[in-house]
Amino acid sequence: MSKSASIFAASRQPLTLALLVLPQSSILEVASTLDPMRSANRHLGHEAYRWRVVSPEGRAVPLTCGIELPSSGDLSAAEGADALVV
């Protein structure tokens, strides 16, 4: 690593997060996790964050409000993400 390189330097590669949503989660929990990243992407003018929703069984997840949230798959769909958020 060169002297000028830093592990804290901003990257143009998006940070990819997998959000594990459990049945009967609150839509507020999901929104309060995803919306700040969506807003940051918009304000930055580029994709700094990328995410996918995963569920224990890989199917749509019923939320407490009665809405079913689509899922990208089960936990194996989180593979390759930089972080898993539970």
PDB file of N, CA and C in Angstrom:
ATOM      1  N   MET A   1       0.858  -1.175   0.000  1.00  0.00           N
ATOM      2  CA  MET A   1       0.000   0.000   0.000  1.00  0.00           C
ATOM      3  C   MET A   1       0.897   1.228   0.000  1.00  0.00           C
ATOM      4  N   SER A   2       0.622   2.156  -0.887  1.00  0.00           N
ATOM      5  CA  SER A   2       1.429   3.374  -0.944  1.00  0.00           C
ATOM      6  C   SER A   2       1.148   4.250   0.263  1.00  0.00           C
ATOM      7  N   LYS A   3       2.083   5.183   0.530  1.00  0.00           N
ATOM      8  CA  LYS A   3       1.917   6.071   1.683  1.00  0.00           C
ATOM      9  C   LYS A   3       0.671   6.929   1.573  1.00  0.00           C
ATOM     10  N   SER A   4       0.271   7.260   0.352  1.00  0.00           N
ATOM     11  CA  SER A   4      -0.894   8.134   0.179  1.00  0.00           C
ATOM     12  C   SER A   4      -2.214   7.360   0.192  1.00  0.00           C
ATOM     13  N   ALA A   5      -2.151   6.049   0.071  1.00  0.00           N
ATOM     14  CA  ALA A   5      -3.379   5.247   0.078  1.00  0.00           C
ATOM     15  C   ALA A   5      -3.906   5.130   1.502  1.00  0.00           C
ATOM     16  N   SER A   6      -5.195   5.038   1.611  1.00  0.00           N
ATOM     17  CA  SER A   6      -5.818   4.929   2.927  1.00  0.00           C
ATOM     18  C   SER A   6      -6.987   3.964   2.856  1.00  0.00           C
ATOM     19  N   ILE A   7      -7.146   3.170   3.894  1.00  0.00           N
ATOM     20  CA  ILE A   7      -8.306   2.287   3.935  1.00  0.00           C
ATOM     21  C   ILE A   7      -9.586   3.077   4.151  1.00  0.00           C
ATOM     22  N   PHE A   8      -9.449   4.336   4.546  1.00  0.00           N
ATOM     23  CA  PHE A   8     -10.613   5.172   4.803  1.00  0.00           C
ATOM     24  C   PHE A   8     -10.993   6.038   3.605  1.00  0.00           C
ATOM     25  N   ALA A   9     -10.276   5.905   2.503  1.00  0.00           N
ATOM     26  CA  ALA A   9     -10.585   6.695   1.309  1.00  0.00           C
ATOM     27  C   ALA A   9     -11.945   6.291   0.767  1.00  0.00           C
ATOM     28  N   ALA A  10     -12.679   7.277   0.282  1.00  0.00           N
ATOM     29  CA  ALA A  10     -13.998   7.014  -0.297  1.00  0.00           C
ATOM     30  C   ALA A  10     -13.852   6.133  -1.532  1.00  0.00           C
ATOM     31  N   SER A  11     -14.727   5.190  -1.657  1.00  0.00           N
ATOM     32  CA  SER A  11     -14.720   4.287  -2.799  1.00  0.00           C
ATOM     33  C   SER A  11     -15.878   4.629  -3.726  1.00  0.00           C
ATOM     34  N   ARG A  12     -15.662   4.441  -5.020  1.00  0.00           N
ATOM     35  CA  ARG A  12     -16.755   4.635  -5.970  1.00  0.00           C
ATOM     36  C   ARG A  12     -17.554   3.346  -6.124  1.00  0.00           C
ATOM     37  N   GLN A  13     -17.087   2.270  -5.503  1.00  0.00           N
ATOM     38  CA  GLN A  13     -17.836   1.023  -5.540  1.00  0.00           C
ATOM     39  C   GLN A  13     -18.955   1.103  -4.508  1.00  0.00           C
ATOM     40  N   PRO A  14     -20.181   0.758  -4.881  1.00  0.00           N
ATOM     41  CA  PRO A  14     -21.266   0.816  -3.897  1.00  0.00           C
ATOM     42  C   PRO A  14     -21.082  -0.218  -2.788  1.00  0.00           C
ATOM     43  N   LEU A  15     -21.492   0.157  -1.596  1.00  0.00           N
ATOM     44  CA  LEU A  15     -21.536  -0.760  -0.464  1.00  0.00           C
ATOM     45  C   LEU A  15     -22.819  -1.567  -0.610  1.00  0.00           C
ATOM     46  N   THR A  16     -22.694  -2.879  -0.680  1.00  0.00           N
ATOM     47  CA  THR A  16     -23.856  -3.739  -0.879  1.00  0.00           C
ATOM     48  C   THR A  16     -24.275  -4.366   0.443  1.00  0.00           C
ATOM     49  N   LEU A  17     -25.537  -4.144   0.808  1.00  0.00           N
ATOM     50  CA  LEU A  17     -26.080  -4.677   2.051  1.00  0.00           C
ATOM     51  C   LEU A  17     -27.200  -5.660   1.752  1.00  0.00           C
ATOM     52  N   ALA A  18     -27.249  -6.717   2.524  1.00  0.00           N
ATOM     53  CA  ALA A  18     -28.382  -7.640   2.487  1.00  0.00           C
ATOM     54  C   ALA A  18     -29.177  -7.393   3.760  1.00  0.00           C
ATOM     55  N   LEU A  19     -30.456  -7.118   3.615  1.00  0.00           N
ATOM     56  CA  LEU A  19     -31.327  -6.859   4.758  1.00  0.00           C
ATOM     57  C   LEU A  19     -32.191  -8.087   4.995  1.00  0.00           C
ATOM     58  N   LEU A  20     -31.968  -8.760   6.118  1.00  0.00           N
ATOM     59  CA  LEU A  20     -32.779  -9.919   6.478  1.00  0.00           C
ATOM     60  C   LEU A  20     -34.041  -9.411   7.162  1.00  0.00           C
ATOM     61  N   VAL A  21     -35.183  -9.650   6.523  1.00  0.00           N
ATOM     62  CA  VAL A  21     -36.468  -9.224   7.081  1.00  0.00           C
ATOM     63  C   VAL A  21     -37.206 -10.472   7.549  1.00  0.00           C
ATOM     64  N   LEU A  22     -37.575 -10.459   8.811  1.00  0.00           N
ATOM     65  CA  LEU A  22     -38.283 -11.591   9.411  1.00  0.00           C
ATOM     66  C   LEU A  22     -39.785 -11.376   9.341  1.00  0.00           C
ATOM     67  N   PRO A  23     -40.571 -12.447   9.295  1.00  0.00           N
ATOM     68  CA  PRO A  23     -42.028 -12.304   9.291  1.00  0.00           C
ATOM     69  C   PRO A  23     -42.495 -11.481  10.491  1.00  0.00           C
ATOM     70  N   GLN A  24     -43.497 -10.655  10.245  1.00  0.00           N
ATOM     71  CA  GLN A  24     -44.102  -9.774  11.233  1.00  0.00           C
ATOM     72  C   GLN A  24     -43.172  -8.645  11.675  1.00  0.00           C
ATOM     73  N   SER A  25     -42.200  -8.302  10.817  1.00  0.00           N
ATOM     74  CA  SER A  25     -41.408  -7.093  11.055  1.00  0.00           C
ATOM     75  C   SER A  25     -42.285  -5.892  10.756  1.00  0.00           C
ATOM     76  N   SER A  26     -41.898  -4.761  11.268  1.00  0.00           N
ATOM     77  CA  SER A  26     -42.619  -3.519  11.024  1.00  0.00           C
ATOM     78  C   SER A  26     -42.112  -2.872   9.740  1.00  0.00           C
ATOM     79  N   ILE A  27     -43.021  -2.301   8.970  1.00  0.00           N
ATOM     80  CA  ILE A  27     -42.620  -1.583   7.760  1.00  0.00           C
ATOM     81  C   ILE A  27     -41.731  -0.396   8.121  1.00  0.00           C
ATOM     82  N   LEU A  28     -41.915   0.157   9.316  1.00  0.00           N
ATOM     83  CA  LEU A  28     -41.082   1.268   9.780  1.00  0.00           C
ATOM     84  C   LEU A  28     -39.630   0.819   9.949  1.00  0.00           C
ATOM     85  N   GLU A  29     -39.416  -0.384  10.432  1.00  0.00           N
ATOM     86  CA  GLU A  29     -38.054  -0.913  10.574  1.00  0.00           C
ATOM     87  C   GLU A  29     -37.377  -1.040   9.211  1.00  0.00           C
ATOM     88  N   VAL A  30     -38.112  -1.534   8.245  1.00  0.00           N
ATOM     89  CA  VAL A  30     -37.563  -1.708   6.901  1.00  0.00           C
ATOM     90  C   VAL A  30     -37.267  -0.343   6.279  1.00  0.00           C
ATOM     91  N   ALA A  31     -38.228   0.570   6.356  1.00  0.00           N
ATOM     92  CA  ALA A  31     -38.053   1.896   5.756  1.00  0.00           C
ATOM     93  C   ALA A  31     -36.927   2.676   6.425  1.00  0.00           C
ATOM     94  N   SER A  32     -36.814   2.576   7.746  1.00  0.00           N
ATOM     95  CA  SER A  32     -35.774   3.346   8.437  1.00  0.00           C
ATOM     96  C   SER A  32     -34.380   2.800   8.152  1.00  0.00           C
ATOM     97  N   THR A  33     -34.300   1.594   7.639  1.00  0.00           N
ATOM     98  CA  THR A  33     -33.020   1.028   7.229  1.00  0.00           C
ATOM     99  C   THR A  33     -32.691   1.390   5.783  1.00  0.00           C
ATOM    100  N   LEU A  34     -33.664   1.272   4.893  1.00  0.00           N
ATOM    101  CA  LEU A  34     -33.403   1.459   3.465  1.00  0.00           C
ATOM    102  C   LEU A  34     -33.483   2.911   2.998  1.00  0.00           C
ATOM    103  N   ASP A  35     -34.378   3.695   3.560  1.00  0.00           N
ATOM    104  CA  ASP A  35     -34.591   5.048   3.044  1.00  0.00           C
ATOM    105  C   ASP A  35     -33.377   5.968   3.190  1.00  0.00           C
ATOM    106  N   PRO A  36     -32.606   5.917   4.275  1.00  0.00           N
ATOM    107  CA  PRO A  36     -31.407   6.763   4.326  1.00  0.00           C
ATOM    108  C   PRO A  36     -30.402   6.434   3.220  1.00  0.00           C
ATOM    109  N   MET A  37     -30.294   5.159   2.849  1.00  0.00           N
ATOM    110  CA  MET A  37     -29.379   4.796   1.765  1.00  0.00           C
ATOM    111  C   MET A  37     -29.911   5.288   0.425  1.00  0.00           C
ATOM    112  N   ARG A  38     -31.217   5.158   0.214  1.00  0.00           N
ATOM    113  CA  ARG A  38     -31.819   5.661  -1.017  1.00  0.00           C
ATOM    114  C   ARG A  38     -31.612   7.161  -1.127  1.00  0.00           C
ATOM    115  N   SER A  39     -31.821   7.869  -0.030  1.00  0.00           N
ATOM    116  CA  SER A  39     -31.657   9.321  -0.008  1.00  0.00           C
ATOM    117  C   SER A  39     -30.198   9.715  -0.256  1.00  0.00           C
ATOM    118  N   ALA A  40     -29.267   8.996   0.360  1.00  0.00           N
ATOM    119  CA  ALA A  40     -27.845   9.289   0.147  1.00  0.00           C
ATOM    120  C   ALA A  40     -27.471   9.106  -1.317  1.00  0.00           C
ATOM    121  N   ASN A  41     -27.943   8.041  -1.946  1.00  0.00           N
ATOM    122  CA  ASN A  41     -27.667   7.824  -3.369  1.00  0.00           C
ATOM    123  C   ASN A  41     -28.164   8.998  -4.200  1.00  0.00           C
ATOM    124  N   ARG A  42     -29.362   9.465  -3.893  1.00  0.00           N
ATOM    125  CA  ARG A  42     -29.944  10.574  -4.654  1.00  0.00           C
ATOM    126  C   ARG A  42     -29.137  11.853  -4.452  1.00  0.00           C
ATOM    127  N   HIS A  43     -28.787  12.155  -3.224  1.00  0.00           N
ATOM    128  CA  HIS A  43     -28.059  13.396  -2.941  1.00  0.00           C
ATOM    129  C   HIS A  43     -26.622  13.360  -3.449  1.00  0.00           C
ATOM    130  N   LEU A  44     -26.001  12.193  -3.431  1.00  0.00           N
ATOM    131  CA  LEU A  44     -24.635  12.068  -3.923  1.00  0.00           C
ATOM    132  C   LEU A  44     -24.570  12.077  -5.446  1.00  0.00           C
ATOM    133  N   GLY A  45     -25.666  11.711  -6.081  1.00  0.00           N
ATOM    134  CA  GLY A  45     -25.691  11.675  -7.542  1.00  0.00           C
ATOM    135  C   GLY A  45     -25.088  10.408  -8.124  1.00  0.00           C
ATOM    136  N   HIS A  46     -24.805   9.443  -7.278  1.00  0.00           N
ATOM    137  CA  HIS A  46     -24.325   8.143  -7.752  1.00  0.00           C
ATOM    138  C   HIS A  46     -24.720   7.082  -6.732  1.00  0.00           C
ATOM    139  N   GLU A  47     -24.597   5.839  -7.135  1.00  0.00           N
ATOM    140  CA  GLU A  47     -24.997   4.735  -6.271  1.00  0.00           C
ATOM    141  C   GLU A  47     -23.885   4.421  -5.268  1.00  0.00           C
ATOM    142  N   ALA A  48     -24.021   4.943  -4.063  1.00  0.00           N
ATOM    143  CA  ALA A  48     -23.067   4.650  -2.988  1.00  0.00           C
ATOM    144  C   ALA A  48     -23.488   3.401  -2.223  1.00  0.00           C
ATOM    145  N   TYR A  49     -24.787   3.132  -2.230  1.00  0.00           N
ATOM    146  CA  TYR A  49     -25.348   1.988  -1.512  1.00  0.00           C
ATOM    147  C   TYR A  49     -26.214   1.169  -2.450  1.00  0.00           C
ATOM    148  N   ARG A  50     -26.137  -0.120  -2.260  1.00  0.00           N
ATOM    149  CA  ARG A  50     -26.966  -1.073  -2.998  1.00  0.00           C
ATOM    150  C   ARG A  50     -27.477  -2.057  -1.955  1.00  0.00           C
ATOM    151  N   TRP A  51     -28.681  -2.551  -2.120  1.00  0.00           N
ATOM    152  CA  TRP A  51     -29.221  -3.477  -1.122  1.00  0.00           C
ATOM    153  C   TRP A  51     -30.116  -4.502  -1.776  1.00  0.00           C
ATOM    154  N   ARG A  52     -30.313  -5.573  -1.020  1.00  0.00           N
ATOM    155  CA  ARG A  52     -31.283  -6.595  -1.405  1.00  0.00           C
ATOM    156  C   ARG A  52     -31.961  -7.078  -0.132  1.00  0.00           C
ATOM    157  N   VAL A  53     -33.223  -7.382  -0.256  1.00  0.00           N
ATOM    158  CA  VAL A  53     -34.001  -7.903   0.869  1.00  0.00           C
ATOM    159  C   VAL A  53     -33.982  -9.423   0.783  1.00  0.00           C
ATOM    160  N   VAL A  54     -33.639 -10.062   1.884  1.00  0.00           N
ATOM    161  CA  VAL A  54     -33.672 -11.521   1.949  1.00  0.00           C
ATOM    162  C   VAL A  54     -34.575 -11.933   3.110  1.00  0.00           C
ATOM    163  N   SER A  55     -35.070 -13.147   3.036  1.00  0.00           N
ATOM    164  CA  SER A  55     -35.960 -13.644   4.087  1.00  0.00           C
ATOM    165  C   SER A  55     -35.546 -15.067   4.454  1.00  0.00           C
ATOM    166  N   PRO A  56     -35.970 -15.545   5.612  1.00  0.00           N
ATOM    167  CA  PRO A  56     -35.551 -16.884   6.042  1.00  0.00           C
ATOM    168  C   PRO A  56     -35.891 -17.986   5.035  1.00  0.00           C
ATOM    169  N   GLU A  57     -37.036 -17.889   4.392  1.00  0.00           N
ATOM    170  CA  GLU A  57     -37.458 -18.947   3.469  1.00  0.00           C
ATOM    171  C   GLU A  57     -37.398 -18.527   2.005  1.00  0.00           C
ATOM    172  N   GLY A  58     -36.951 -17.294   1.742  1.00  0.00           N
ATOM    173  CA  GLY A  58     -36.794 -16.848   0.366  1.00  0.00           C
ATOM    174  C   GLY A  58     -38.068 -16.381  -0.308  1.00  0.00           C
ATOM    175  N   ARG A  59     -39.138 -16.272   0.454  1.00  0.00           N
ATOM    176  CA  ARG A  59     -40.420 -15.824  -0.101  1.00  0.00           C
ATOM    177  C   ARG A  59     -40.747 -14.425   0.402  1.00  0.00           C
ATOM    178  N   ALA A  60     -41.821 -13.857  -0.138  1.00  0.00           N
ATOM    179  CA  ALA A  60     -42.295 -12.557   0.340  1.00  0.00           C
ATOM    180  C   ALA A  60     -42.545 -12.646   1.846  1.00  0.00           C
ATOM    181  N   VAL A  61     -42.260 -11.551   2.538  1.00  0.00           N
ATOM    182  CA  VAL A  61     -42.350 -11.535   4.000  1.00  0.00           C
ATOM    183  C   VAL A  61     -43.578 -10.741   4.430  1.00  0.00           C
ATOM    184  N   PRO A  62     -44.479 -11.346   5.226  1.00  0.00           N
ATOM    185  CA  PRO A  62     -45.628 -10.589   5.729  1.00  0.00           C
ATOM    186  C   PRO A  62     -45.185  -9.631   6.838  1.00  0.00           C
ATOM    187  N   LEU A  63     -45.537  -8.353   6.669  1.00  0.00           N
ATOM    188  CA  LEU A  63     -45.207  -7.341   7.672  1.00  0.00           C
ATOM    189  C   LEU A  63     -46.396  -7.130   8.600  1.00  0.00           C
ATOM    190  N   THR A  64     -46.178  -6.451   9.710  1.00  0.00           N
ATOM    191  CA  THR A  64     -47.246  -6.251  10.693  1.00  0.00           C
ATOM    192  C   THR A  64     -48.410  -5.450  10.137  1.00  0.00           C
ATOM    193  N   CYS A  65     -48.164  -4.638   9.110  1.00  0.00           N
ATOM    194  CA  CYS A  65     -49.227  -3.809   8.536  1.00  0.00           C
ATOM    195  C   CYS A  65     -50.079  -4.570   7.525  1.00  0.00           C
ATOM    196  N   GLY A  66     -49.726  -5.830   7.246  1.00  0.00           N
ATOM    197  CA  GLY A  66     -50.492  -6.632   6.304  1.00  0.00           C
ATOM    198  C   GLY A  66     -49.898  -6.681   4.905  1.00  0.00           C
ATOM    199  N   ILE A  67     -48.921  -5.846   4.623  1.00  0.00           N
ATOM    200  CA  ILE A  67     -48.255  -5.844   3.317  1.00  0.00           C
ATOM    201  C   ILE A  67     -47.248  -6.989   3.276  1.00  0.00           C
ATOM    202  N   GLU A  68     -47.099  -7.605   2.101  1.00  0.00           N
ATOM    203  CA  GLU A  68     -46.057  -8.606   1.912  1.00  0.00           C
ATOM    204  C   GLU A  68     -44.909  -7.964   1.151  1.00  0.00           C
ATOM    205  N   LEU A  69     -43.725  -8.004   1.734  1.00  0.00           N
ATOM    206  CA  LEU A  69     -42.533  -7.409   1.138  1.00  0.00           C
ATOM    207  C   LEU A  69     -41.827  -8.455   0.286  1.00  0.00           C
ATOM    208  N   PRO A  70     -41.633  -8.185  -1.015  1.00  0.00           N
ATOM    209  CA  PRO A  70     -40.922  -9.143  -1.862  1.00  0.00           C
ATOM    210  C   PRO A  70     -39.498  -9.377  -1.357  1.00  0.00           C
ATOM    211  N   SER A  71     -38.987 -10.555  -1.613  1.00  0.00           N
ATOM    212  CA  SER A  71     -37.645 -10.933  -1.182  1.00  0.00           C
ATOM    213  C   SER A  71     -36.829 -11.356  -2.394  1.00  0.00           C
ATOM    214  N   SER A  72     -35.523 -11.104  -2.336  1.00  0.00           N
ATOM    215  CA  SER A  72     -34.619 -11.551  -3.401  1.00  0.00           C
ATOM    216  C   SER A  72     -34.249 -13.017  -3.253  1.00  0.00           C
ATOM    217  N   GLY A  73     -34.641 -13.610  -2.139  1.00  0.00           N
ATOM    218  CA  GLY A  73     -34.331 -15.012  -1.898  1.00  0.00           C
ATOM    219  C   GLY A  73     -34.048 -15.253  -0.431  1.00  0.00           C
ATOM    220  N   ASP A  74     -33.550 -16.453  -0.147  1.00  0.00           N
ATOM    221  CA  ASP A  74     -33.224 -16.790   1.239  1.00  0.00           C
ATOM    222  C   ASP A  74     -31.832 -16.245   1.582  1.00  0.00           C
ATOM    223  N   LEU A  75     -31.275 -16.697   2.686  1.00  0.00           N
ATOM    224  CA  LEU A  75     -29.975 -16.173   3.120  1.00  0.00           C
ATOM    225  C   LEU A  75     -28.868 -16.383   2.097  1.00  0.00           C
ATOM    226  N   SER A  76     -28.995 -17.379   1.240  1.00  0.00           N
ATOM    227  CA  SER A  76     -27.965 -17.576   0.217  1.00  0.00           C
ATOM    228  C   SER A  76     -27.921 -16.402  -0.757  1.00  0.00           C
ATOM    229  N   ALA A  77     -29.032 -15.655  -0.884  1.00  0.00           N
ATOM    230  CA  ALA A  77     -29.055 -14.469  -1.752  1.00  0.00           C
ATOM    231  C   ALA A  77     -28.245 -13.327  -1.155  1.00  0.00           C
ATOM    232  N   ALA A  78     -27.854 -13.451   0.113  1.00  0.00           N
ATOM    233  CA  ALA A  78     -27.021 -12.433   0.756  1.00  0.00           C
ATOM    234  C   ALA A  78     -25.542 -12.625   0.424  1.00  0.00           C
ATOM    235  N   GLU A  79     -25.217 -13.759  -0.175  1.00  0.00           N
ATOM    236  CA  GLU A  79     -23.823 -14.034  -0.514  1.00  0.00           C
ATOM    237  C   GLU A  79     -23.279 -12.938  -1.424  1.00  0.00           C
ATOM    238  N   GLY A  80     -22.092 -12.489  -1.139  1.00  0.00           N
ATOM    239  CA  GLY A  80     -21.466 -11.433  -1.928  1.00  0.00           C
ATOM    240  C   GLY A  80     -21.748 -10.038  -1.410  1.00  0.00           C
ATOM    241  N   ALA A  81     -22.678  -9.911  -0.472  1.00  0.00           N
ATOM    242  CA  ALA A  81     -22.955  -8.600   0.121  1.00  0.00           C
ATOM    243  C   ALA A  81     -21.805  -8.229   1.057  1.00  0.00           C
ATOM    244  N   ASP A  82     -21.598  -6.936   1.237  1.00  0.00           N
ATOM    245  CA  ASP A  82     -20.559  -6.469   2.154  1.00  0.00           C
ATOM    246  C   ASP A  82     -20.969  -6.641   3.611  1.00  0.00           C
ATOM    247  N   ALA A  83     -22.276  -6.626   3.866  1.00  0.00           N
ATOM    248  CA  ALA A  83     -22.775  -6.765   5.238  1.00  0.00           C
ATOM    249  C   ALA A  83     -24.176  -7.351   5.212  1.00  0.00           C
ATOM    250  N   LEU A  84     -24.497  -8.062   6.276  1.00  0.00           N
ATOM    251  CA  LEU A  84     -25.846  -8.583   6.485  1.00  0.00           C
ATOM    252  C   LEU A  84     -26.439  -7.808   7.649  1.00  0.00           C
ATOM    253  N   VAL A  85     -27.567  -7.143   7.408  1.00  0.00           N
ATOM    254  CA  VAL A  85     -28.253  -6.365   8.438  1.00  0.00           C
ATOM    255  C   VAL A  85     -29.460  -7.172   8.890  1.00  0.00           C
ATOM    256  N   VAL A  86     -29.577  -7.381  10.193  1.00  0.00           N
ATOM    257  CA  VAL A  86     -30.689  -8.156  10.746  1.00  0.00           C
ATOM    258  C   VAL A  86     -31.564  -7.238  11.559  1.00  0.00           C
TER     259      VAL A  86
END
